[in-house]
């Protein structure tokens, strides 16, 4: 199946890649959902919400600074690096869409990433005064958590109960509508509206290829399911290209 998928990629003029938590988990970034995602006595769903931040901004920031420290120690894996090289290749146009907020794709060398759920290393004013600041991943954790206007800064990520940025979602939708092949890598395919993107591509008759260590709700509808870690499967595809 690797050979057949590589032929699809080789013949494509437009490729879209959608990545999720699985590819970052292979770099040691913890998955923050479910029982294994507990921090102290809190679940991610308890903290990553506008209401939680309104009630206890310092507690929410304590969790995010802890997450930043973990992610800063992680390094991109070979799956990240293969996707970066694929984007830099002079063949097909490759659009990288990611649900991850950790910045590992950019650290791996990807020249552009549509970050559907935002970026943990970027902050913005919680009162929307317009300030947006991008922190450097290698810097110490941010200690000044107040905006110049006096309001709290907040991580520039999409929290539970918040909509995705309309412009970002439209760019992602356009990418899958134009794609000949869509690679879905390390995502559970259950978080909407992002989970709808492969279905949009399928209606446009694109080839859908899933790379995952497990089957997902998307698996029965894909053209190929390559079972295994991205850091192993993606280099095998690259060898065939």
C-alpha atoms as a PDB file:
ATOM      1  CA  UNK A   1       0.000   0.000   0.000  1.00  0.00           C
ATOM      2  CA  UNK A   2       2.932   2.357   0.648  1.00  0.00           C
ATOM      3  CA  UNK A   3       3.920   2.097  -3.026  1.00  0.00           C
ATOM      4  CA  UNK A   4       0.387   2.824  -4.235  1.00  0.00           C
ATOM      5  CA  UNK A   5       0.021   5.851  -1.942  1.00  0.00           C
ATOM      6  CA  UNK A   6       3.399   7.186  -3.050  1.00  0.00           C
ATOM      7  CA  UNK A   7       2.213   6.956  -6.665  1.00  0.00           C
ATOM      8  CA  UNK A   8      -0.868   9.024  -5.771  1.00  0.00           C
ATOM      9  CA  UNK A   9       1.365  11.626  -4.137  1.00  0.00           C
ATOM     10  CA  UNK A  10       3.776  11.665  -7.058  1.00  0.00           C
ATOM     11  CA  UNK A  11       0.924  12.296  -9.496  1.00  0.00           C
ATOM     12  CA  UNK A  12      -0.713  15.033  -7.414  1.00  0.00           C
ATOM     13  CA  UNK A  13      -0.397  18.748  -8.125  1.00  0.00           C
ATOM     14  CA  UNK A  14      -2.071  19.781  -4.849  1.00  0.00           C
ATOM     15  CA  UNK A  15      -1.625  17.921  -1.549  1.00  0.00           C
ATOM     16  CA  UNK A  16      -3.196  18.815   1.787  1.00  0.00           C
ATOM     17  CA  UNK A  17      -1.880  17.358   5.048  1.00  0.00           C
ATOM     18  CA  UNK A  18      -3.956  17.462   8.226  1.00  0.00           C
ATOM     19  CA  UNK A  19      -2.112  16.611  11.447  1.00  0.00           C
ATOM     20  CA  UNK A  20      -3.344  16.017  14.974  1.00  0.00           C
ATOM     21  CA  UNK A  21      -2.081  15.201  18.454  1.00  0.00           C
ATOM     22  CA  UNK A  22      -0.709  11.795  17.448  1.00  0.00           C
ATOM     23  CA  UNK A  23       2.282  13.151  15.540  1.00  0.00           C
ATOM     24  CA  UNK A  24       3.294  15.351  18.486  1.00  0.00           C
ATOM     25  CA  UNK A  25       2.759  12.515  20.972  1.00  0.00           C
ATOM     26  CA  UNK A  26       5.558  10.717  19.118  1.00  0.00           C
ATOM     27  CA  UNK A  27       7.834  13.600  20.176  1.00  0.00           C
ATOM     28  CA  UNK A  28       6.828  13.167  23.813  1.00  0.00           C
ATOM     29  CA  UNK A  29       4.190  15.899  23.920  1.00  0.00           C
ATOM     30  CA  UNK A  30       1.485  14.607  26.296  1.00  0.00           C
ATOM     31  CA  UNK A  31      -2.064  14.227  25.059  1.00  0.00           C
ATOM     32  CA  UNK A  32      -4.114  16.468  27.314  1.00  0.00           C
ATOM     33  CA  UNK A  33      -7.455  14.735  26.956  1.00  0.00           C
ATOM     34  CA  UNK A  34      -8.785  11.772  28.898  1.00  0.00           C
ATOM     35  CA  UNK A  35      -7.624  10.432  32.273  1.00  0.00           C
ATOM     36  CA  UNK A  36      -3.961  10.454  31.261  1.00  0.00           C
ATOM     37  CA  UNK A  37      -4.313  14.167  30.610  1.00  0.00           C
ATOM     38  CA  UNK A  38      -5.069  15.077  34.212  1.00  0.00           C
ATOM     39  CA  UNK A  39      -3.043  17.961  35.643  1.00  0.00           C
ATOM     40  CA  UNK A  40      -3.325  18.075  39.406  1.00  0.00           C
ATOM     41  CA  UNK A  41      -7.077  17.383  39.768  1.00  0.00           C
ATOM     42  CA  UNK A  42      -8.075  19.145  36.565  1.00  0.00           C
ATOM     43  CA  UNK A  43      -8.890  17.916  33.075  1.00  0.00           C
ATOM     44  CA  UNK A  44      -8.063  19.966  29.993  1.00  0.00           C
ATOM     45  CA  UNK A  45     -11.792  20.557  29.580  1.00  0.00           C
ATOM     46  CA  UNK A  46     -11.803  22.189  33.053  1.00  0.00           C
ATOM     47  CA  UNK A  47      -9.116  24.721  32.156  1.00  0.00           C
ATOM     48  CA  UNK A  48      -9.140  25.416  28.415  1.00  0.00           C
ATOM     49  CA  UNK A  49     -12.358  27.433  28.430  1.00  0.00           C
ATOM     50  CA  UNK A  50     -13.240  31.128  28.444  1.00  0.00           C
ATOM     51  CA  UNK A  51     -15.216  30.633  31.685  1.00  0.00           C
ATOM     52  CA  UNK A  52     -12.248  29.046  33.471  1.00  0.00           C
ATOM     53  CA  UNK A  53     -10.005  31.905  32.396  1.00  0.00           C
ATOM     54  CA  UNK A  54     -12.560  34.495  33.512  1.00  0.00           C
ATOM     55  CA  UNK A  55     -12.786  32.845  36.943  1.00  0.00           C
ATOM     56  CA  UNK A  56      -9.165  31.868  37.547  1.00  0.00           C
ATOM     57  CA  UNK A  57      -6.769  33.349  34.967  1.00  0.00           C
ATOM     58  CA  UNK A  58      -3.691  32.707  37.125  1.00  0.00           C
ATOM     59  CA  UNK A  59      -4.557  28.999  37.473  1.00  0.00           C
ATOM     60  CA  UNK A  60      -5.144  28.624  33.739  1.00  0.00           C
ATOM     61  CA  UNK A  61      -1.800  30.328  33.043  1.00  0.00           C
ATOM     62  CA  UNK A  62      -0.053  28.040  35.531  1.00  0.00           C
ATOM     63  CA  UNK A  63      -1.258  25.076  33.481  1.00  0.00           C
ATOM     64  CA  UNK A  64      -0.213  26.653  30.178  1.00  0.00           C
ATOM     65  CA  UNK A  65       3.239  27.572  31.463  1.00  0.00           C
ATOM     66  CA  UNK A  66       3.663  23.973  32.640  1.00  0.00           C
ATOM     67  CA  UNK A  67       2.622  22.775  29.173  1.00  0.00           C
ATOM     68  CA  UNK A  68       5.043  25.203  27.542  1.00  0.00           C
ATOM     69  CA  UNK A  69       7.907  23.861  29.655  1.00  0.00           C
ATOM     70  CA  UNK A  70       7.121  20.293  28.556  1.00  0.00           C
ATOM     71  CA  UNK A  71       6.820  21.235  24.894  1.00  0.00           C
ATOM     72  CA  UNK A  72      10.012  23.318  24.946  1.00  0.00           C
ATOM     73  CA  UNK A  73      11.911  20.126  25.847  1.00  0.00           C
ATOM     74  CA  UNK A  74      10.339  18.184  22.967  1.00  0.00           C
ATOM     75  CA  UNK A  75      11.933  18.017  19.532  1.00  0.00           C
ATOM     76  CA  UNK A  76      10.308  17.444  16.133  1.00  0.00           C
ATOM     77  CA  UNK A  77      10.356  13.807  15.053  1.00  0.00           C
ATOM     78  CA  UNK A  78      11.015  12.354  11.626  1.00  0.00           C
ATOM     79  CA  UNK A  79       7.328  12.628  10.756  1.00  0.00           C
ATOM     80  CA  UNK A  80       7.478  16.403  11.242  1.00  0.00           C
ATOM     81  CA  UNK A  81      10.704  16.598   9.252  1.00  0.00           C
ATOM     82  CA  UNK A  82       9.378  14.562   6.317  1.00  0.00           C
ATOM     83  CA  UNK A  83       6.382  16.877   6.023  1.00  0.00           C
ATOM     84  CA  UNK A  84       8.692  19.909   6.097  1.00  0.00           C
ATOM     85  CA  UNK A  85      10.802  18.433   3.286  1.00  0.00           C
ATOM     86  CA  UNK A  86       7.652  17.592   1.325  1.00  0.00           C
ATOM     87  CA  UNK A  87       6.580  21.243   1.552  1.00  0.00           C
ATOM     88  CA  UNK A  88       9.995  22.445   0.412  1.00  0.00           C
ATOM     89  CA  UNK A  89      10.111  20.113  -2.598  1.00  0.00           C
ATOM     90  CA  UNK A  90       9.635  21.751  -5.986  1.00  0.00           C
ATOM     91  CA  UNK A  91       6.929  19.322  -7.075  1.00  0.00           C
ATOM     92  CA  UNK A  92       3.343  19.514  -5.807  1.00  0.00           C
ATOM     93  CA  UNK A  93       2.002  22.374  -3.724  1.00  0.00           C
ATOM     94  CA  UNK A  94       1.709  20.997  -0.179  1.00  0.00           C
ATOM     95  CA  UNK A  95      -0.534  22.799   2.305  1.00  0.00           C
ATOM     96  CA  UNK A  96      -0.016  21.801   5.930  1.00  0.00           C
ATOM     97  CA  UNK A  97      -3.005  22.094   8.265  1.00  0.00           C
ATOM     98  CA  UNK A  98      -2.504  21.290  11.952  1.00  0.00           C
ATOM     99  CA  UNK A  99      -4.731  20.981  14.982  1.00  0.00           C
ATOM    100  CA  UNK A 100      -1.620  21.143  17.166  1.00  0.00           C
ATOM    101  CA  UNK A 101      -0.656  24.314  19.029  1.00  0.00           C
ATOM    102  CA  UNK A 102       2.904  23.273  19.946  1.00  0.00           C
ATOM    103  CA  UNK A 103       4.859  24.837  17.057  1.00  0.00           C
ATOM    104  CA  UNK A 104       6.783  21.627  16.269  1.00  0.00           C
ATOM    105  CA  UNK A 105       6.002  21.787  12.538  1.00  0.00           C
ATOM    106  CA  UNK A 106       7.669  25.180  12.253  1.00  0.00           C
ATOM    107  CA  UNK A 107      10.633  24.016  14.332  1.00  0.00           C
ATOM    108  CA  UNK A 108      10.979  21.082  11.922  1.00  0.00           C
ATOM    109  CA  UNK A 109      11.348  23.526   9.043  1.00  0.00           C
ATOM    110  CA  UNK A 110       7.845  23.759   7.592  1.00  0.00           C
ATOM    111  CA  UNK A 111       7.731  27.106   5.775  1.00  0.00           C
ATOM    112  CA  UNK A 112       4.009  27.605   6.385  1.00  0.00           C
ATOM    113  CA  UNK A 113       1.393  26.019   8.624  1.00  0.00           C
ATOM    114  CA  UNK A 114      -2.313  26.749   8.878  1.00  0.00           C
ATOM    115  CA  UNK A 115      -2.698  26.452  12.656  1.00  0.00           C
ATOM    116  CA  UNK A 116      -6.369  25.613  13.052  1.00  0.00           C
ATOM    117  CA  UNK A 117      -6.403  25.773  16.847  1.00  0.00           C
ATOM    118  CA  UNK A 118      -3.860  28.566  17.294  1.00  0.00           C
ATOM    119  CA  UNK A 119      -0.365  28.587  18.745  1.00  0.00           C
ATOM    120  CA  UNK A 120       0.648  28.062  22.362  1.00  0.00           C
ATOM    121  CA  UNK A 121       3.665  30.356  21.905  1.00  0.00           C
ATOM    122  CA  UNK A 122       1.555  33.307  20.845  1.00  0.00           C
ATOM    123  CA  UNK A 123      -0.461  35.476  23.243  1.00  0.00           C
ATOM    124  CA  UNK A 124      -3.114  38.112  22.730  1.00  0.00           C
ATOM    125  CA  UNK A 125      -5.065  40.546  24.842  1.00  0.00           C
ATOM    126  CA  UNK A 126      -8.024  38.904  26.569  1.00  0.00           C
ATOM    127  CA  UNK A 127      -9.982  42.152  26.120  1.00  0.00           C
ATOM    128  CA  UNK A 128      -9.204  42.226  22.373  1.00  0.00           C
ATOM    129  CA  UNK A 129      -7.391  45.554  22.355  1.00  0.00           C
ATOM    130  CA  UNK A 130      -5.504  44.254  19.313  1.00  0.00           C
ATOM    131  CA  UNK A 131      -2.187  43.240  20.886  1.00  0.00           C
ATOM    132  CA  UNK A 132      -0.736  39.933  19.627  1.00  0.00           C
ATOM    133  CA  UNK A 133       2.764  38.809  20.675  1.00  0.00           C
ATOM    134  CA  UNK A 134       4.690  35.747  19.496  1.00  0.00           C
ATOM    135  CA  UNK A 135       7.047  34.315  22.117  1.00  0.00           C
ATOM    136  CA  UNK A 136      10.210  32.455  21.147  1.00  0.00           C
ATOM    137  CA  UNK A 137       9.930  28.753  21.993  1.00  0.00           C
ATOM    138  CA  UNK A 138      13.432  28.584  23.456  1.00  0.00           C
ATOM    139  CA  UNK A 139      12.907  31.567  25.778  1.00  0.00           C
ATOM    140  CA  UNK A 140      12.046  31.133  29.468  1.00  0.00           C
ATOM    141  CA  UNK A 141       8.289  30.967  30.149  1.00  0.00           C
ATOM    142  CA  UNK A 142       6.520  34.321  30.016  1.00  0.00           C
ATOM    143  CA  UNK A 143       6.358  36.044  33.400  1.00  0.00           C
ATOM    144  CA  UNK A 144       4.546  39.240  32.380  1.00  0.00           C
ATOM    145  CA  UNK A 145       0.982  38.096  31.816  1.00  0.00           C
ATOM    146  CA  UNK A 146      -0.593  41.531  31.555  1.00  0.00           C
ATOM    147  CA  UNK A 147      -1.313  43.456  28.365  1.00  0.00           C
ATOM    148  CA  UNK A 148      -0.153  47.025  27.880  1.00  0.00           C
ATOM    149  CA  UNK A 149      -3.813  48.053  28.320  1.00  0.00           C
ATOM    150  CA  UNK A 150      -3.916  46.439  31.776  1.00  0.00           C
ATOM    151  CA  UNK A 151      -6.016  43.405  30.874  1.00  0.00           C
ATOM    152  CA  UNK A 152      -4.791  39.820  31.115  1.00  0.00           C
ATOM    153  CA  UNK A 153      -2.976  38.304  28.180  1.00  0.00           C
ATOM    154  CA  UNK A 154      -4.223  34.873  27.121  1.00  0.00           C
ATOM    155  CA  UNK A 155      -2.775  32.078  25.003  1.00  0.00           C
ATOM    156  CA  UNK A 156      -3.742  32.620  21.364  1.00  0.00           C
ATOM    157  CA  UNK A 157      -5.404  29.222  21.074  1.00  0.00           C
ATOM    158  CA  UNK A 158      -8.959  28.054  20.459  1.00  0.00           C
ATOM    159  CA  UNK A 159     -10.578  26.994  23.713  1.00  0.00           C
ATOM    160  CA  UNK A 160     -13.493  24.620  24.206  1.00  0.00           C
ATOM    161  CA  UNK A 161     -16.679  26.489  23.362  1.00  0.00           C
ATOM    162  CA  UNK A 162     -14.922  28.959  21.047  1.00  0.00           C
ATOM    163  CA  UNK A 163     -15.292  28.960  17.253  1.00  0.00           C
ATOM    164  CA  UNK A 164     -12.336  28.574  14.949  1.00  0.00           C
ATOM    165  CA  UNK A 165     -11.174  31.735  13.265  1.00  0.00           C
ATOM    166  CA  UNK A 166     -13.369  32.048  10.176  1.00  0.00           C
ATOM    167  CA  UNK A 167     -10.521  33.087   7.878  1.00  0.00           C
ATOM    168  CA  UNK A 168      -8.302  30.227   9.027  1.00  0.00           C
ATOM    169  CA  UNK A 169     -11.085  27.688   8.531  1.00  0.00           C
ATOM    170  CA  UNK A 170     -11.786  29.041   5.052  1.00  0.00           C
ATOM    171  CA  UNK A 171      -8.122  28.704   4.065  1.00  0.00           C
ATOM    172  CA  UNK A 172      -8.169  25.103   5.280  1.00  0.00           C
ATOM    173  CA  UNK A 173     -11.403  24.371   3.428  1.00  0.00           C
ATOM    174  CA  UNK A 174     -10.007  25.819   0.215  1.00  0.00           C
ATOM    175  CA  UNK A 175      -6.866  23.687   0.582  1.00  0.00           C
ATOM    176  CA  UNK A 176      -8.800  20.409   0.856  1.00  0.00           C
ATOM    177  CA  UNK A 177     -11.217  21.413  -1.901  1.00  0.00           C
ATOM    178  CA  UNK A 178      -8.274  21.901  -4.278  1.00  0.00           C
ATOM    179  CA  UNK A 179      -6.294  18.835  -3.165  1.00  0.00           C
ATOM    180  CA  UNK A 180      -5.753  15.733  -5.246  1.00  0.00           C
ATOM    181  CA  UNK A 181      -4.586  13.838  -2.144  1.00  0.00           C
ATOM    182  CA  UNK A 182      -5.251  14.527   1.531  1.00  0.00           C
ATOM    183  CA  UNK A 183      -3.001  12.961   4.179  1.00  0.00           C
ATOM    184  CA  UNK A 184      -4.664  12.726   7.607  1.00  0.00           C
ATOM    185  CA  UNK A 185      -1.911  12.120  10.146  1.00  0.00           C
ATOM    186  CA  UNK A 186      -2.324  11.304  13.824  1.00  0.00           C
ATOM    187  CA  UNK A 187      -5.759  12.782  14.374  1.00  0.00           C
ATOM    188  CA  UNK A 188      -8.745  11.139  16.032  1.00  0.00           C
ATOM    189  CA  UNK A 189     -11.075  12.633  13.402  1.00  0.00           C
ATOM    190  CA  UNK A 190     -13.738  13.445  15.987  1.00  0.00           C
ATOM    191  CA  UNK A 191     -13.242  17.178  16.700  1.00  0.00           C
ATOM    192  CA  UNK A 192     -15.453  19.301  14.465  1.00  0.00           C
ATOM    193  CA  UNK A 193     -15.402  21.339  12.315  1.00  0.00           C
ATOM    194  CA  UNK A 194     -11.883  20.103  11.466  1.00  0.00           C
ATOM    195  CA  UNK A 195     -13.072  16.486  11.257  1.00  0.00           C
ATOM    196  CA  UNK A 196     -15.302  17.512   8.346  1.00  0.00           C
ATOM    197  CA  UNK A 197     -12.364  18.559   6.158  1.00  0.00           C
ATOM    198  CA  UNK A 198     -11.507  15.046   4.850  1.00  0.00           C
ATOM    199  CA  UNK A 199     -15.163  14.519   3.978  1.00  0.00           C
ATOM    200  CA  UNK A 200     -15.169  17.763   1.964  1.00  0.00           C
ATOM    201  CA  UNK A 201     -12.129  16.499   0.068  1.00  0.00           C
ATOM    202  CA  UNK A 202     -13.738  13.100  -0.501  1.00  0.00           C
ATOM    203  CA  UNK A 203     -16.798  14.742  -2.067  1.00  0.00           C
ATOM    204  CA  UNK A 204     -14.381  16.485  -4.447  1.00  0.00           C
ATOM    205  CA  UNK A 205     -12.995  13.016  -5.310  1.00  0.00           C
ATOM    206  CA  UNK A 206      -9.612  13.523  -3.679  1.00  0.00           C
ATOM    207  CA  UNK A 207      -7.724  10.481  -2.432  1.00  0.00           C
ATOM    208  CA  UNK A 208      -7.832  10.300   1.385  1.00  0.00           C
ATOM    209  CA  UNK A 209      -4.909   8.602   3.128  1.00  0.00           C
ATOM    210  CA  UNK A 210      -4.937   8.071   6.886  1.00  0.00           C
ATOM    211  CA  UNK A 211      -1.737   7.536   8.905  1.00  0.00           C
ATOM    212  CA  UNK A 212      -2.523   6.489  12.455  1.00  0.00           C
ATOM    213  CA  UNK A 213      -1.547   3.926  15.064  1.00  0.00           C
ATOM    214  CA  UNK A 214      -5.271   3.117  15.506  1.00  0.00           C
ATOM    215  CA  UNK A 215      -8.413   3.022  13.443  1.00  0.00           C
ATOM    216  CA  UNK A 216     -10.646   6.086  13.758  1.00  0.00           C
ATOM    217  CA  UNK A 217     -14.191   7.013  12.719  1.00  0.00           C
ATOM    218  CA  UNK A 218     -12.653   8.177   9.418  1.00  0.00           C
ATOM    219  CA  UNK A 219     -10.973   4.830   8.630  1.00  0.00           C
ATOM    220  CA  UNK A 220     -13.921   3.129   6.852  1.00  0.00           C
ATOM    221  CA  UNK A 221     -14.152   6.055   4.397  1.00  0.00           C
ATOM    222  CA  UNK A 222     -10.492   6.487   3.384  1.00  0.00           C
ATOM    223  CA  UNK A 223      -8.771   5.196   0.262  1.00  0.00           C
ATOM    224  CA  UNK A 224      -5.820   3.915   2.280  1.00  0.00           C
ATOM    225  CA  UNK A 225      -5.164   3.423   5.991  1.00  0.00           C
ATOM    226  CA  UNK A 226      -1.457   3.159   6.813  1.00  0.00           C
ATOM    227  CA  UNK A 227      -1.342   1.821  10.345  1.00  0.00           C
ATOM    228  CA  UNK A 228       1.637   2.864  12.402  1.00  0.00           C
ATOM    229  CA  UNK A 229       3.423   5.898  13.850  1.00  0.00           C
ATOM    230  CA  UNK A 230       3.941   8.877  11.572  1.00  0.00           C
ATOM    231  CA  UNK A 231       7.665   8.912  12.355  1.00  0.00           C
ATOM    232  CA  UNK A 232       7.877   5.467  10.748  1.00  0.00           C
ATOM    233  CA  UNK A 233       5.248   5.571   7.991  1.00  0.00           C
ATOM    234  CA  UNK A 234       6.051   9.004   6.524  1.00  0.00           C
ATOM    235  CA  UNK A 235       9.767   8.234   5.954  1.00  0.00           C
ATOM    236  CA  UNK A 236       8.701   5.064   4.087  1.00  0.00           C
ATOM    237  CA  UNK A 237       6.508   7.181   1.826  1.00  0.00           C
ATOM    238  CA  UNK A 238       9.335   9.648   1.317  1.00  0.00           C
ATOM    239  CA  UNK A 239      11.658   6.857   0.203  1.00  0.00           C
ATOM    240  CA  UNK A 240       9.219   5.973  -2.582  1.00  0.00           C
ATOM    241  CA  UNK A 241       8.852   9.549  -3.839  1.00  0.00           C
END
